[in-house]
C-alpha atoms as a PDB file:
ATOM      1  CA  MET A   1      -7.826  10.808 -24.362  1.00  0.00           C
ATOM      2  CA  ASN A   2      -4.366   9.234 -24.649  1.00  0.00           C
ATOM      3  CA  LYS A   3      -4.445   5.616 -23.530  1.00  0.00           C
ATOM      4  CA  GLU A   4      -1.246   3.769 -22.783  1.00  0.00           C
ATOM      5  CA  LYS A   5      -0.665   0.709 -24.940  1.00  0.00           C
ATOM      6  CA  ILE A   6       1.004  -2.472 -23.821  1.00  0.00           C
ATOM      7  CA  THR A   7       2.041  -5.339 -26.041  1.00  0.00           C
ATOM      8  CA  ALA A   8       1.273  -8.969 -25.320  1.00  0.00           C
ATOM      9  CA  ASP A   9       5.037  -9.608 -25.074  1.00  0.00           C
ATOM     10  CA  ASP A  10       5.509  -6.788 -22.546  1.00  0.00           C
ATOM     11  CA  PHE A  11       2.628  -7.995 -20.391  1.00  0.00           C
ATOM     12  CA  SER A  12       3.778 -11.609 -20.655  1.00  0.00           C
ATOM     13  CA  GLU A  13       7.308 -10.728 -19.592  1.00  0.00           C
ATOM     14  CA  PHE A  14       6.071  -8.590 -16.695  1.00  0.00           C
ATOM     15  CA  VAL A  15       3.759 -11.283 -15.308  1.00  0.00           C
ATOM     16  CA  THR A  16       6.363 -14.029 -15.669  1.00  0.00           C
ATOM     17  CA  ASN A  17       9.129 -11.966 -14.078  1.00  0.00           C
ATOM     18  CA  MET A  18       6.963 -10.874 -11.159  1.00  0.00           C
ATOM     19  CA  ARG A  19       5.790 -14.425 -10.472  1.00  0.00           C
ATOM     20  CA  HIS A  20       9.328 -15.777 -10.606  1.00  0.00           C
ATOM     21  CA  SER A  21      10.622 -12.961  -8.389  1.00  0.00           C
ATOM     22  CA  ILE A  22       8.424 -14.157  -5.540  1.00  0.00           C
ATOM     23  CA  GLY A  23       8.858 -17.870  -6.201  1.00  0.00           C
ATOM     24  CA  LEU A  24       5.228 -18.824  -6.725  1.00  0.00           C
ATOM     25  CA  THR A  25       3.895 -21.554  -8.963  1.00  0.00           C
ATOM     26  CA  ARG A  26       1.343 -20.521 -11.557  1.00  0.00           C
ATOM     27  CA  ARG A  27      -1.331 -22.125  -9.422  1.00  0.00           C
ATOM     28  CA  ASP A  28      -0.356 -20.233  -6.276  1.00  0.00           C
ATOM     29  CA  PHE A  29       0.072 -16.988  -8.200  1.00  0.00           C
ATOM     30  CA  ALA A  30      -3.388 -17.430  -9.715  1.00  0.00           C
ATOM     31  CA  LEU A  31      -4.869 -17.993  -6.255  1.00  0.00           C
ATOM     32  CA  ALA A  32      -3.180 -14.850  -4.950  1.00  0.00           C
ATOM     33  CA  MET A  33      -4.471 -12.890  -7.953  1.00  0.00           C
ATOM     34  CA  GLY A  34      -8.015 -14.236  -7.727  1.00  0.00           C
ATOM     35  CA  VAL A  35      -7.940 -15.792 -11.196  1.00  0.00           C
ATOM     36  CA  ASN A  36      -7.653 -19.341 -12.452  1.00  0.00           C
ATOM     37  CA  LYS A  37      -4.367 -20.963 -13.435  1.00  0.00           C
ATOM     38  CA  GLY A  38      -5.343 -20.957 -17.107  1.00  0.00           C
ATOM     39  CA  THR A  39      -5.530 -17.171 -17.063  1.00  0.00           C
ATOM     40  CA  VAL A  40      -1.976 -16.918 -15.752  1.00  0.00           C
ATOM     41  CA  VAL A  41      -0.832 -19.385 -18.421  1.00  0.00           C
ATOM     42  CA  PHE A  42      -2.448 -17.248 -21.147  1.00  0.00           C
ATOM     43  CA  TRP A  43      -0.883 -14.069 -19.711  1.00  0.00           C
ATOM     44  CA  GLU A  44       2.573 -15.628 -19.546  1.00  0.00           C
ATOM     45  CA  ARG A  45       2.370 -17.081 -23.053  1.00  0.00           C
ATOM     46  CA  GLY A  46       1.275 -13.734 -24.463  1.00  0.00           C
ATOM     47  CA  LYS A  47      -2.061 -15.117 -25.604  1.00  0.00           C
ATOM     48  CA  ILE A  48      -4.101 -12.334 -23.995  1.00  0.00           C
ATOM     49  CA  VAL A  49      -3.632  -8.882 -22.543  1.00  0.00           C
ATOM     50  CA  PRO A  50      -6.585  -7.996 -20.335  1.00  0.00           C
ATOM     51  CA  CYS A  51      -8.508  -4.823 -21.207  1.00  0.00           C
ATOM     52  CA  ASP A  52      -8.007  -3.684 -17.627  1.00  0.00           C
ATOM     53  CA  PHE A  53      -4.289  -4.482 -17.613  1.00  0.00           C
ATOM     54  CA  ALA A  54      -3.541  -1.432 -15.456  1.00  0.00           C
ATOM     55  CA  SER A  55      -5.632  -2.820 -12.587  1.00  0.00           C
ATOM     56  CA  ILE A  56      -4.074  -6.271 -13.057  1.00  0.00           C
ATOM     57  CA  ILE A  57      -0.602  -4.722 -12.827  1.00  0.00           C
ATOM     58  CA  LYS A  58      -1.618  -2.920  -9.622  1.00  0.00           C
ATOM     59  CA  THR A  59      -2.878  -6.187  -8.157  1.00  0.00           C
ATOM     60  CA  ILE A  60       0.349  -7.944  -9.123  1.00  0.00           C
ATOM     61  CA  ARG A  61       2.323  -5.207  -7.366  1.00  0.00           C
ATOM     62  CA  VAL A  62       0.270  -5.748  -4.192  1.00  0.00           C
ATOM     63  CA  VAL A  63       0.762  -9.529  -4.356  1.00  0.00           C
ATOM     64  CA  VAL A  64       4.517  -9.110  -4.832  1.00  0.00           C
ATOM     65  CA  LYS A  65       4.828  -6.593  -1.984  1.00  0.00           C
ATOM     66  CA  LEU A  66       2.871  -8.806   0.400  1.00  0.00           C
ATOM     67  CA  ARG A  67       4.866 -11.872  -0.560  1.00  0.00           C
ATOM     68  CA  LEU A  68       8.173 -10.071  -0.059  1.00  0.00           C
ATOM     69  CA  ARG A  69       7.026  -8.647   3.267  1.00  0.00           C
ATOM     70  CA  ASN A  70       5.938 -12.095   4.461  1.00  0.00           C
ATOM     71  CA  LYS A  71       9.274 -13.612   3.398  1.00  0.00           C
ATOM     72  CA  ARG A  72      11.131 -11.029   5.483  1.00  0.00           C
ATOM     73  CA  LEU A  73       8.980 -11.803   8.513  1.00  0.00           C
ATOM     74  CA  ILE A  74       9.605 -15.540   8.222  1.00  0.00           C
ATOM     75  CA  VAL A  75      13.405 -15.346   7.824  1.00  0.00           C
END
């Protein structure tokens, strides 16, 4: 079985960029993701890459889509 690898730097950059793209604080992003703020800090600093990073990335995509959709409705 060929498993995709992701580096801590890649994951860190992805999380940080996605959070910034929707203008959320780490605290608010953590709430939207269902994790604590410390987890987001570790992700963004490249301290940890979760074993289930693929599901985390999917969740981030959902959070970003919902946030963007809600911004369009408000404007």
